[in-house]
C-alpha atoms as a PDB file:
ATOM      1  CA  MET A   1      39.392 236.786  12.430  1.00  0.00           C
ATOM      2  CA  THR A   2      36.284 235.641  14.066  1.00  0.00           C
ATOM      3  CA  GLN A   3      36.519 232.683  16.137  1.00  0.00           C
ATOM      4  CA  PRO A   4      34.861 229.609  15.129  1.00  0.00           C
ATOM      5  CA  LEU A   5      31.337 228.828  16.818  1.00  0.00           C
ATOM      6  CA  PRO A   6      31.537 226.199  19.512  1.00  0.00           C
ATOM      7  CA  PHE A   7      29.808 223.320  18.355  1.00  0.00           C
ATOM      8  CA  GLU A   8      27.875 221.527  21.349  1.00  0.00           C
ATOM      9  CA  ARG A   9      26.294 218.082  20.001  1.00  0.00           C
ATOM     10  CA  PRO A  10      26.755 214.534  20.629  1.00  0.00           C
ATOM     11  CA  VAL A  11      29.543 212.796  18.831  1.00  0.00           C
ATOM     12  CA  VAL A  12      28.057 211.105  15.714  1.00  0.00           C
ATOM     13  CA  ALA A  13      29.410 207.608  14.856  1.00  0.00           C
ATOM     14  CA  PRO A  14      31.712 207.846  11.603  1.00  0.00           C
ATOM     15  CA  ALA A  15      30.929 206.324   8.136  1.00  0.00           C
ATOM     16  CA  ALA A  16      31.438 202.575   7.603  1.00  0.00           C
ATOM     17  CA  GLN A  17      34.987 201.209   7.237  1.00  0.00           C
ATOM     18  CA  ALA A  18      36.323 204.814   8.045  1.00  0.00           C
ATOM     19  CA  THR A  19      38.464 204.793  11.051  1.00  0.00           C
ATOM     20  CA  VAL A  20      38.701 207.807  13.847  1.00  0.00           C
ATOM     21  CA  GLU A  21      41.979 208.937  15.341  1.00  0.00           C
ATOM     22  CA  SER A  22      42.619 207.994  18.829  1.00  0.00           C
ATOM     23  CA  PRO A  23      40.972 210.364  21.288  1.00  0.00           C
ATOM     24  CA  ALA A  24      44.342 212.438  21.914  1.00  0.00           C
ATOM     25  CA  GLU A  25      44.764 212.789  18.453  1.00  0.00           C
ATOM     26  CA  VAL A  26      41.036 213.667  17.450  1.00  0.00           C
ATOM     27  CA  THR A  27      40.420 216.469  14.835  1.00  0.00           C
ATOM     28  CA  ILE A  28      37.246 218.178  14.395  1.00  0.00           C
ATOM     29  CA  GLY A  29      36.282 218.552  10.922  1.00  0.00           C
ATOM     30  CA  PRO A  30      34.765 221.777   9.506  1.00  0.00           C
ATOM     31  CA  THR A  31      31.230 219.973  10.014  1.00  0.00           C
ATOM     32  CA  GLY A  32      31.859 220.289  13.830  1.00  0.00           C
ATOM     33  CA  ARG A  33      32.197 216.352  13.820  1.00  0.00           C
ATOM     34  CA  PRO A  34      35.521 214.459  14.354  1.00  0.00           C
ATOM     35  CA  MET A  35      37.208 213.929  11.178  1.00  0.00           C
ATOM     36  CA  PRO A  36      37.609 210.214  10.113  1.00  0.00           C
ATOM     37  CA  VAL A  37      40.647 209.128   8.398  1.00  0.00           C
ATOM     38  CA  PHE A  38      39.460 207.223   4.883  1.00  0.00           C
ATOM     39  CA  PRO A  39      41.425 204.309   3.678  1.00  0.00           C
ATOM     40  CA  GLU A  40      43.020 204.227   0.246  1.00  0.00           C
ATOM     41  CA  PRO A  41      40.675 202.452  -1.931  1.00  0.00           C
ATOM     42  CA  ALA A  42      41.304 198.897  -2.984  1.00  0.00           C
ATOM     43  CA  ALA A  43      42.663 198.244  -6.592  1.00  0.00           C
ATOM     44  CA  VAL A  44      40.252 197.068  -9.194  1.00  0.00           C
ATOM     45  CA  THR A  45      41.115 194.148 -10.700  1.00  0.00           C
ATOM     46  CA  GLU A  46      37.867 193.911 -13.352  1.00  0.00           C
ATOM     47  CA  HIS A  47      35.795 196.863 -14.556  1.00  0.00           C
ATOM     48  CA  GLY A  48      31.823 196.687 -15.065  1.00  0.00           C
ATOM     49  CA  GLY A  49      28.527 196.844 -12.872  1.00  0.00           C
ATOM     50  CA  ALA A  50      28.838 200.787 -12.784  1.00  0.00           C
ATOM     51  CA  ARG A  51      26.876 202.749 -10.015  1.00  0.00           C
ATOM     52  CA  VAL A  52      25.173 205.293 -11.294  1.00  0.00           C
ATOM     53  CA  ILE A  53      25.338 208.804  -9.373  1.00  0.00           C
ATOM     54  CA  SER A  54      23.348 212.114 -10.126  1.00  0.00           C
ATOM     55  CA  MET A  55      24.776 215.530  -9.033  1.00  0.00           C
ATOM     56  CA  CYS A  56      21.576 217.292  -8.285  1.00  0.00           C
ATOM     57  CA  ASN A  57      20.450 220.675  -7.000  1.00  0.00           C
ATOM     58  CA  GLN A  58      17.697 222.690  -8.160  1.00  0.00           C
ATOM     59  CA  LYS A  59      19.754 225.794  -7.405  1.00  0.00           C
ATOM     60  CA  GLY A  60      22.430 226.994 -10.149  1.00  0.00           C
ATOM     61  CA  GLY A  61      25.953 227.883  -9.155  1.00  0.00           C
ATOM     62  CA  VAL A  62      26.453 225.495  -6.155  1.00  0.00           C
ATOM     63  CA  GLY A  63      29.451 223.423  -7.538  1.00  0.00           C
ATOM     64  CA  LYS A  64      27.435 220.428  -9.361  1.00  0.00           C
ATOM     65  CA  THR A  65      29.649 220.804 -12.530  1.00  0.00           C
ATOM     66  CA  THR A  66      32.875 221.433 -10.546  1.00  0.00           C
ATOM     67  CA  THR A  67      32.261 218.303  -8.467  1.00  0.00           C
ATOM     68  CA  THR A  68      31.293 216.213 -11.155  1.00  0.00           C
ATOM     69  CA  ILE A  69      34.743 216.955 -13.175  1.00  0.00           C
ATOM     70  CA  ASN A  70      37.076 216.905 -10.009  1.00  0.00           C
ATOM     71  CA  LEU A  71      35.132 213.834  -8.445  1.00  0.00           C
ATOM     72  CA  GLY A  72      35.130 211.921 -11.566  1.00  0.00           C
ATOM     73  CA  ALA A  73      39.103 212.688 -12.115  1.00  0.00           C
ATOM     74  CA  SER A  74      39.734 211.744  -8.587  1.00  0.00           C
ATOM     75  CA  LEU A  75      37.946 208.429  -8.749  1.00  0.00           C
ATOM     76  CA  ALA A  76      39.820 207.852 -12.019  1.00  0.00           C
ATOM     77  CA  GLU A  77      43.065 208.314 -10.345  1.00  0.00           C
ATOM     78  CA  THR A  78      42.071 205.364  -8.035  1.00  0.00           C
ATOM     79  CA  GLY A  79      41.845 202.924 -11.217  1.00  0.00           C
ATOM     80  CA  ARG A  80      38.036 203.140 -11.443  1.00  0.00           C
ATOM     81  CA  ARG A  81      36.882 203.548 -15.100  1.00  0.00           C
ATOM     82  CA  VAL A  82      34.272 206.774 -15.230  1.00  0.00           C
ATOM     83  CA  LEU A  83      31.677 208.351 -17.412  1.00  0.00           C
ATOM     84  CA  LEU A  84      30.737 211.605 -16.965  1.00  0.00           C
ATOM     85  CA  VAL A  85      27.410 212.613 -18.262  1.00  0.00           C
ATOM     86  CA  ASP A  86      26.807 216.279 -19.446  1.00  0.00           C
ATOM     87  CA  PHE A  87      22.801 216.301 -18.718  1.00  0.00           C
ATOM     88  CA  ASP A  88      22.596 220.003 -18.644  1.00  0.00           C
ATOM     89  CA  PRO A  89      21.702 221.960 -21.948  1.00  0.00           C
ATOM     90  CA  GLN A  90      23.992 224.663 -20.893  1.00  0.00           C
ATOM     91  CA  GLY A  91      26.897 222.259 -21.613  1.00  0.00           C
ATOM     92  CA  SER A  92      29.030 223.584 -18.774  1.00  0.00           C
ATOM     93  CA  LEU A  93      30.757 219.935 -18.171  1.00  0.00           C
ATOM     94  CA  SER A  94      31.782 219.568 -21.664  1.00  0.00           C
ATOM     95  CA  VAL A  95      33.188 223.228 -21.767  1.00  0.00           C
ATOM     96  CA  GLY A  96      34.726 222.606 -18.650  1.00  0.00           C
ATOM     97  CA  LEU A  97      36.537 219.631 -20.145  1.00  0.00           C
ATOM     98  CA  GLY A  98      37.763 221.680 -22.955  1.00  0.00           C
ATOM     99  CA  LEU A  99      35.091 220.758 -25.841  1.00  0.00           C
ATOM    100  CA  ASN A 100      33.577 223.675 -27.823  1.00  0.00           C
ATOM    101  CA  PRO A 101      29.472 222.965 -27.560  1.00  0.00           C
ATOM    102  CA  HIS A 102      29.135 224.388 -31.039  1.00  0.00           C
ATOM    103  CA  GLU A 103      31.450 222.212 -32.857  1.00  0.00           C
ATOM    104  CA  MET A 104      29.989 218.983 -31.409  1.00  0.00           C
ATOM    105  CA  ASP A 105      28.436 216.508 -34.290  1.00  0.00           C
ATOM    106  CA  LEU A 106      26.471 214.190 -31.873  1.00  0.00           C
ATOM    107  CA  THR A 107      25.766 214.952 -28.344  1.00  0.00           C
ATOM    108  CA  ILE A 108      23.604 213.026 -25.411  1.00  0.00           C
ATOM    109  CA  TYR A 109      20.524 214.636 -27.336  1.00  0.00           C
ATOM    110  CA  ASN A 110      21.246 212.392 -30.571  1.00  0.00           C
ATOM    111  CA  LEU A 111      21.510 209.478 -28.033  1.00  0.00           C
ATOM    112  CA  LEU A 112      18.181 210.329 -26.374  1.00  0.00           C
ATOM    113  CA  MET A 113      16.125 211.047 -29.581  1.00  0.00           C
ATOM    114  CA  ASP A 114      17.663 208.978 -32.249  1.00  0.00           C
ATOM    115  CA  ARG A 115      17.546 205.317 -31.935  1.00  0.00           C
ATOM    116  CA  GLU A 116      20.179 204.685 -34.705  1.00  0.00           C
ATOM    117  CA  THR A 117      22.703 206.423 -32.774  1.00  0.00           C
ATOM    118  CA  THR A 118      24.451 204.221 -30.045  1.00  0.00           C
ATOM    119  CA  LEU A 119      26.704 205.249 -27.205  1.00  0.00           C
ATOM    120  CA  ASP A 120      29.928 204.700 -28.715  1.00  0.00           C
ATOM    121  CA  ASP A 121      29.023 207.463 -31.497  1.00  0.00           C
ATOM    122  CA  VAL A 122      28.697 209.779 -28.727  1.00  0.00           C
ATOM    123  CA  VAL A 123      31.137 208.962 -25.859  1.00  0.00           C
ATOM    124  CA  VAL A 124      34.398 211.271 -26.067  1.00  0.00           C
ATOM    125  CA  PRO A 125      37.752 211.065 -24.063  1.00  0.00           C
ATOM    126  CA  SER A 126      37.865 213.717 -21.577  1.00  0.00           C
ATOM    127  CA  GLY A 127      41.852 213.861 -21.720  1.00  0.00           C
ATOM    128  CA  ILE A 128      41.977 212.236 -18.199  1.00  0.00           C
ATOM    129  CA  GLU A 129      43.059 208.664 -18.333  1.00  0.00           C
ATOM    130  CA  GLY A 130      40.244 206.354 -17.349  1.00  0.00           C
ATOM    131  CA  MET A 131      37.458 209.201 -17.695  1.00  0.00           C
ATOM    132  CA  ASP A 132      35.179 209.372 -20.597  1.00  0.00           C
ATOM    133  CA  LEU A 133      32.541 211.982 -21.559  1.00  0.00           C
ATOM    134  CA  LEU A 134      28.904 211.980 -22.955  1.00  0.00           C
ATOM    135  CA  PRO A 135      28.628 215.852 -23.955  1.00  0.00           C
ATOM    136  CA  SER A 136      26.029 218.186 -24.175  1.00  0.00           C
ATOM    137  CA  ASN A 137      24.927 221.382 -25.938  1.00  0.00           C
ATOM    138  CA  ILE A 138      21.946 223.567 -26.243  1.00  0.00           C
ATOM    139  CA  ASP A 139      20.052 221.225 -28.469  1.00  0.00           C
ATOM    140  CA  LEU A 140      19.392 218.946 -25.061  1.00  0.00           C
ATOM    141  CA  SER A 141      16.769 221.736 -24.318  1.00  0.00           C
ATOM    142  CA  ALA A 142      14.747 220.329 -27.140  1.00  0.00           C
ATOM    143  CA  ALA A 143      14.510 216.962 -25.586  1.00  0.00           C
ATOM    144  CA  GLU A 144      12.515 218.179 -22.535  1.00  0.00           C
ATOM    145  CA  VAL A 145       9.747 219.059 -24.802  1.00  0.00           C
ATOM    146  CA  GLN A 146       9.965 216.319 -27.289  1.00  0.00           C
ATOM    147  CA  LEU A 147      10.048 213.815 -24.373  1.00  0.00           C
ATOM    148  CA  VAL A 148       6.803 214.599 -23.091  1.00  0.00           C
ATOM    149  CA  HIS A 149       4.807 212.879 -25.757  1.00  0.00           C
ATOM    150  CA  GLU A 150       7.088 209.381 -25.377  1.00  0.00           C
ATOM    151  CA  VAL A 151       6.176 206.301 -23.786  1.00  0.00           C
ATOM    152  CA  ALA A 152       7.873 205.844 -20.560  1.00  0.00           C
ATOM    153  CA  ARG A 153       9.579 209.252 -20.846  1.00  0.00           C
ATOM    154  CA  GLU A 154      11.270 209.228 -17.481  1.00  0.00           C
ATOM    155  CA  GLN A 155      12.995 206.072 -18.120  1.00  0.00           C
ATOM    156  CA  THR A 156      14.616 207.134 -21.578  1.00  0.00           C
ATOM    157  CA  LEU A 157      18.195 208.047 -20.006  1.00  0.00           C
ATOM    158  CA  GLN A 158      18.045 204.749 -18.264  1.00  0.00           C
ATOM    159  CA  ARG A 159      17.683 202.952 -21.589  1.00  0.00           C
ATOM    160  CA  VAL A 160      20.673 204.671 -23.431  1.00  0.00           C
ATOM    161  CA  LEU A 161      23.159 204.431 -20.325  1.00  0.00           C
ATOM    162  CA  ALA A 162      22.100 200.499 -19.911  1.00  0.00           C
ATOM    163  CA  PRO A 163      25.230 199.614 -22.370  1.00  0.00           C
ATOM    164  CA  ALA A 164      27.488 201.604 -20.145  1.00  0.00           C
ATOM    165  CA  LEU A 165      26.979 199.604 -17.063  1.00  0.00           C
ATOM    166  CA  ALA A 166      29.134 196.926 -18.264  1.00  0.00           C
ATOM    167  CA  ASP A 167      32.084 198.945 -19.224  1.00  0.00           C
ATOM    168  CA  TYR A 168      32.353 201.563 -16.378  1.00  0.00           C
ATOM    169  CA  ASP A 169      32.696 201.285 -12.777  1.00  0.00           C
ATOM    170  CA  ILE A 170      31.223 204.598 -12.012  1.00  0.00           C
ATOM    171  CA  ILE A 171      28.787 207.302 -14.122  1.00  0.00           C
ATOM    172  CA  LEU A 172      28.309 210.559 -12.794  1.00  0.00           C
ATOM    173  CA  ILE A 173      25.296 212.782 -14.273  1.00  0.00           C
ATOM    174  CA  ASP A 174      25.665 216.368 -14.028  1.00  0.00           C
ATOM    175  CA  CYS A 175      22.050 217.702 -13.750  1.00  0.00           C
ATOM    176  CA  GLN A 176      20.813 220.896 -14.794  1.00  0.00           C
ATOM    177  CA  PRO A 177      19.649 223.469 -12.033  1.00  0.00           C
ATOM    178  CA  SER A 178      15.968 222.518 -12.081  1.00  0.00           C
ATOM    179  CA  LEU A 179      13.493 219.780 -11.201  1.00  0.00           C
ATOM    180  CA  GLY A 180      12.248 219.091 -14.517  1.00  0.00           C
ATOM    181  CA  LEU A 181      11.963 216.068 -16.722  1.00  0.00           C
ATOM    182  CA  LEU A 182      15.602 215.876 -17.553  1.00  0.00           C
ATOM    183  CA  THR A 183      16.320 215.716 -13.738  1.00  0.00           C
ATOM    184  CA  VAL A 184      13.736 212.948 -13.287  1.00  0.00           C
ATOM    185  CA  ASN A 185      15.096 211.050 -15.894  1.00  0.00           C
ATOM    186  CA  ALA A 186      18.527 211.243 -14.289  1.00  0.00           C
ATOM    187  CA  LEU A 187      16.999 210.508 -10.899  1.00  0.00           C
ATOM    188  CA  THR A 188      15.386 207.489 -12.345  1.00  0.00           C
ATOM    189  CA  ALA A 189      18.708 205.988 -13.816  1.00  0.00           C
ATOM    190  CA  SER A 190      20.549 206.480 -10.666  1.00  0.00           C
ATOM    191  CA  ASP A 191      21.467 204.272  -7.966  1.00  0.00           C
ATOM    192  CA  GLY A 192      22.526 207.377  -5.631  1.00  0.00           C
ATOM    193  CA  VAL A 193      22.396 211.273  -5.424  1.00  0.00           C
ATOM    194  CA  ILE A 194      24.949 213.501  -4.374  1.00  0.00           C
ATOM    195  CA  VAL A 195      23.515 216.945  -3.188  1.00  0.00           C
ATOM    196  CA  PRO A 196      26.492 219.771  -3.513  1.00  0.00           C
ATOM    197  CA  LEU A 197      25.296 222.815  -1.554  1.00  0.00           C
ATOM    198  CA  GLU A 198      26.785 226.144  -1.392  1.00  0.00           C
ATOM    199  CA  CYS A 199      27.114 227.076   2.206  1.00  0.00           C
ATOM    200  CA  GLU A 200      24.840 229.965   1.864  1.00  0.00           C
ATOM    201  CA  TYR A 201      21.397 230.535   3.437  1.00  0.00           C
ATOM    202  CA  PHE A 202      19.638 230.533   0.042  1.00  0.00           C
ATOM    203  CA  ALA A 203      21.023 227.196  -0.985  1.00  0.00           C
ATOM    204  CA  LEU A 204      20.129 225.618   2.342  1.00  0.00           C
ATOM    205  CA  ARG A 205      16.391 226.839   1.993  1.00  0.00           C
ATOM    206  CA  GLY A 206      15.962 224.706  -1.511  1.00  0.00           C
ATOM    207  CA  VAL A 207      17.163 221.396  -0.230  1.00  0.00           C
ATOM    208  CA  ALA A 208      13.649 220.372   1.287  1.00  0.00           C
ATOM    209  CA  LEU A 209      12.130 220.672  -2.153  1.00  0.00           C
ATOM    210  CA  LEU A 210      14.974 218.648  -3.913  1.00  0.00           C
ATOM    211  CA  LYS A 211      14.361 215.871  -0.960  1.00  0.00           C
ATOM    212  CA  THR A 212      10.569 216.084  -1.900  1.00  0.00           C
ATOM    213  CA  THR A 213      11.489 215.203  -5.658  1.00  0.00           C
ATOM    214  CA  ILE A 214      13.524 212.440  -4.797  1.00  0.00           C
ATOM    215  CA  ASP A 215      11.516 210.902  -2.464  1.00  0.00           C
ATOM    216  CA  LYS A 216       8.562 210.947  -5.054  1.00  0.00           C
ATOM    217  CA  VAL A 217      10.969 209.301  -7.409  1.00  0.00           C
ATOM    218  CA  ARG A 218      11.929 206.651  -5.219  1.00  0.00           C
ATOM    219  CA  GLU A 219       8.377 205.782  -4.496  1.00  0.00           C
ATOM    220  CA  ARG A 220       6.891 205.840  -8.239  1.00  0.00           C
ATOM    221  CA  LEU A 221       9.950 205.199 -10.482  1.00  0.00           C
ATOM    222  CA  ASN A 222      13.075 203.918  -8.894  1.00  0.00           C
ATOM    223  CA  PRO A 223      12.882 202.197  -5.416  1.00  0.00           C
ATOM    224  CA  LYS A 224      16.819 201.483  -5.116  1.00  0.00           C
ATOM    225  CA  LEU A 225      17.746 205.472  -5.178  1.00  0.00           C
ATOM    226  CA  GLU A 226      19.136 206.789  -2.145  1.00  0.00           C
ATOM    227  CA  ILE A 227      20.884 209.944  -1.238  1.00  0.00           C
ATOM    228  CA  ASP A 228      24.823 209.082  -1.079  1.00  0.00           C
ATOM    229  CA  GLY A 229      25.386 212.191   0.892  1.00  0.00           C
ATOM    230  CA  VAL A 230      25.227 216.344   0.946  1.00  0.00           C
ATOM    231  CA  LEU A 231      28.604 218.080  -0.044  1.00  0.00           C
ATOM    232  CA  GLY A 232      29.133 221.377   1.531  1.00  0.00           C
ATOM    233  CA  THR A 233      31.032 223.389  -1.340  1.00  0.00           C
ATOM    234  CA  MET A 234      32.384 227.202  -1.413  1.00  0.00           C
ATOM    235  CA  PHE A 235      32.922 227.137   2.600  1.00  0.00           C
ATOM    236  CA  ASP A 236      34.857 229.884   4.034  1.00  0.00           C
ATOM    237  CA  GLY A 237      35.446 229.159   7.576  1.00  0.00           C
ATOM    238  CA  ARG A 238      36.672 232.630   8.451  1.00  0.00           C
ATOM    239  CA  THR A 239      32.947 233.494   7.967  1.00  0.00           C
ATOM    240  CA  LEU A 240      30.419 233.308  10.722  1.00  0.00           C
ATOM    241  CA  HIS A 241      27.631 232.534   7.897  1.00  0.00           C
ATOM    242  CA  SER A 242      29.377 229.686   6.514  1.00  0.00           C
ATOM    243  CA  ARG A 243      29.664 228.117   9.766  1.00  0.00           C
ATOM    244  CA  GLU A 244      26.367 228.805  10.774  1.00  0.00           C
ATOM    245  CA  VAL A 245      24.969 227.092   7.327  1.00  0.00           C
ATOM    246  CA  MET A 246      27.349 224.305   7.931  1.00  0.00           C
ATOM    247  CA  GLU A 247      25.823 223.724  11.595  1.00  0.00           C
ATOM    248  CA  ARG A 248      22.222 223.963  10.416  1.00  0.00           C
ATOM    249  CA  LEU A 249      23.244 221.304   7.689  1.00  0.00           C
ATOM    250  CA  VAL A 250      24.795 219.050   9.850  1.00  0.00           C
ATOM    251  CA  SER A 251      21.742 219.727  12.247  1.00  0.00           C
ATOM    252  CA  ALA A 252      19.152 218.619   9.558  1.00  0.00           C
ATOM    253  CA  TRP A 253      20.809 215.701   7.481  1.00  0.00           C
ATOM    254  CA  GLY A 254      23.019 214.133  10.004  1.00  0.00           C
ATOM    255  CA  ASP A 255      25.578 211.483   8.825  1.00  0.00           C
ATOM    256  CA  LYS A 256      24.183 212.214   5.102  1.00  0.00           C
ATOM    257  CA  VAL A 257      26.732 215.191   5.149  1.00  0.00           C
ATOM    258  CA  PHE A 258      30.244 214.281   3.946  1.00  0.00           C
ATOM    259  CA  HIS A 259      32.838 215.060   6.610  1.00  0.00           C
ATOM    260  CA  THR A 260      34.786 216.479   3.446  1.00  0.00           C
ATOM    261  CA  VAL A 261      34.104 219.963   2.588  1.00  0.00           C
ATOM    262  CA  ILE A 262      35.144 221.813  -0.458  1.00  0.00           C
ATOM    263  CA  ARG A 263      36.605 225.353   0.434  1.00  0.00           C
ATOM    264  CA  ARG A 264      36.550 228.330  -1.936  1.00  0.00           C
ATOM    265  CA  THR A 265      39.837 228.693  -3.907  1.00  0.00           C
ATOM    266  CA  VAL A 266      40.392 230.754  -7.182  1.00  0.00           C
ATOM    267  CA  LYS A 267      41.995 227.518  -8.533  1.00  0.00           C
ATOM    268  CA  PHE A 268      38.512 226.146  -9.483  1.00  0.00           C
ATOM    269  CA  SER A 269      38.292 228.980 -11.786  1.00  0.00           C
ATOM    270  CA  ASP A 270      41.440 229.049 -13.323  1.00  0.00           C
ATOM    271  CA  ALA A 271      41.126 225.075 -14.039  1.00  0.00           C
ATOM    272  CA  THR A 272      37.839 225.594 -15.507  1.00  0.00           C
ATOM    273  CA  VAL A 273      39.345 228.109 -17.935  1.00  0.00           C
ATOM    274  CA  ALA A 274      42.389 225.718 -18.761  1.00  0.00           C
ATOM    275  CA  GLY A 275      39.541 223.124 -19.295  1.00  0.00           C
ATOM    276  CA  GLU A 276      40.808 220.383 -17.118  1.00  0.00           C
ATOM    277  CA  PRO A 277      39.948 218.949 -13.636  1.00  0.00           C
ATOM    278  CA  ILE A 278      42.093 220.738 -10.733  1.00  0.00           C
ATOM    279  CA  THR A 279      43.457 217.352  -9.925  1.00  0.00           C
ATOM    280  CA  SER A 280      45.632 217.694 -13.125  1.00  0.00           C
ATOM    281  CA  TYR A 281      45.873 221.620 -13.496  1.00  0.00           C
ATOM    282  CA  ALA A 282      46.941 222.095  -9.859  1.00  0.00           C
ATOM    283  CA  SER A 283      47.591 218.675  -8.405  1.00  0.00           C
ATOM    284  CA  SER A 284      49.048 219.787  -5.143  1.00  0.00           C
ATOM    285  CA  SER A 285      46.805 222.567  -4.425  1.00  0.00           C
ATOM    286  CA  THR A 286      44.023 222.144  -1.380  1.00  0.00           C
ATOM    287  CA  GLY A 287      41.191 221.886  -3.879  1.00  0.00           C
ATOM    288  CA  ALA A 288      42.832 218.775  -5.309  1.00  0.00           C
ATOM    289  CA  ASP A 289      43.392 217.512  -2.162  1.00  0.00           C
ATOM    290  CA  ALA A 290      39.616 218.010  -0.986  1.00  0.00           C
ATOM    291  CA  TYR A 291      38.304 216.103  -4.015  1.00  0.00           C
ATOM    292  CA  ARG A 292      40.659 213.219  -3.675  1.00  0.00           C
ATOM    293  CA  GLN A 293      39.597 212.879   0.132  1.00  0.00           C
ATOM    294  CA  LEU A 294      35.973 213.164  -1.043  1.00  0.00           C
ATOM    295  CA  ALA A 295      36.704 210.020  -3.722  1.00  0.00           C
ATOM    296  CA  ARG A 296      38.011 208.007  -0.683  1.00  0.00           C
ATOM    297  CA  GLU A 297      34.932 208.914   1.276  1.00  0.00           C
ATOM    298  CA  VAL A 298      32.320 208.375  -1.108  1.00  0.00           C
ATOM    299  CA  LEU A 299      33.767 204.978  -1.904  1.00  0.00           C
ATOM    300  CA  THR A 300      33.669 203.976   2.028  1.00  0.00           C
ATOM    301  CA  ARG A 301      29.883 204.710   1.530  1.00  0.00           C
ATOM    302  CA  TRP A 302      28.944 202.302  -1.513  1.00  0.00           C
ATOM    303  CA  PRO A 303      28.052 199.065  -0.348  1.00  0.00           C
ATOM    304  CA  ALA A 304      30.144 197.331  -2.940  1.00  0.00           C
ATOM    305  CA  GLU A 305      33.282 198.821  -2.020  1.00  0.00           C
END
């Protein structure tokens, strides 16, 4: 087994509200920085005023859907009310929670294109307490074409999600792997963006283009939009390549890179086949622990928390 690369860089200040262990006990995390200890989230006494987050990366297969499901379930475990929005015509988020895309009467496509359809008509329970789902299937691919001729087409998703803000604490949008009109709709409706990024060279190359798109949406459509963080996924610390990509990622994005890293494990695939989050399928697994830690880290980064 190859030894880890030596990381020679100044110590970066930890995220707000996170505490670092005493010097004698400092643990260097997989990102090459001291690993903070993230506090348990405070209890929620009332719901509403949802923060909307897009899981966005134009490259496919980087862990957007897996992160949406498992981060949502981990946040729901803290007592937050969570709504997952499947905004990908492939419907992977819906399938990953056990739904059959061919048996859906109403999906987010109907919510976008039919003003008679309400949010309550489309939302379905996810099977996880405190977490609901706006499902999707291949019908959504037609919306991208139809929305081109609509007035304020970039704000369509923001309009239909508005009634949900008072009922949920967090809304997570699983975007399709492209930077088209659907993704722009998701970014326009969001307060923040989480960028899941496979620890692999080709995934790293595409992030600059995504940042350009986010900057344009912030400048022209949604001034409050910000990048909440970049999440390293499919990390394998045994390989030199994964460690080099992580080092470059931290060098380029600094504190925007989450301290939490999602490592490769077959349990994620097994949980997807079972149609449930890893937090319930394999509750004591390293994957479940990683997403629970990510939930705590995400909450420490949000101003309201």
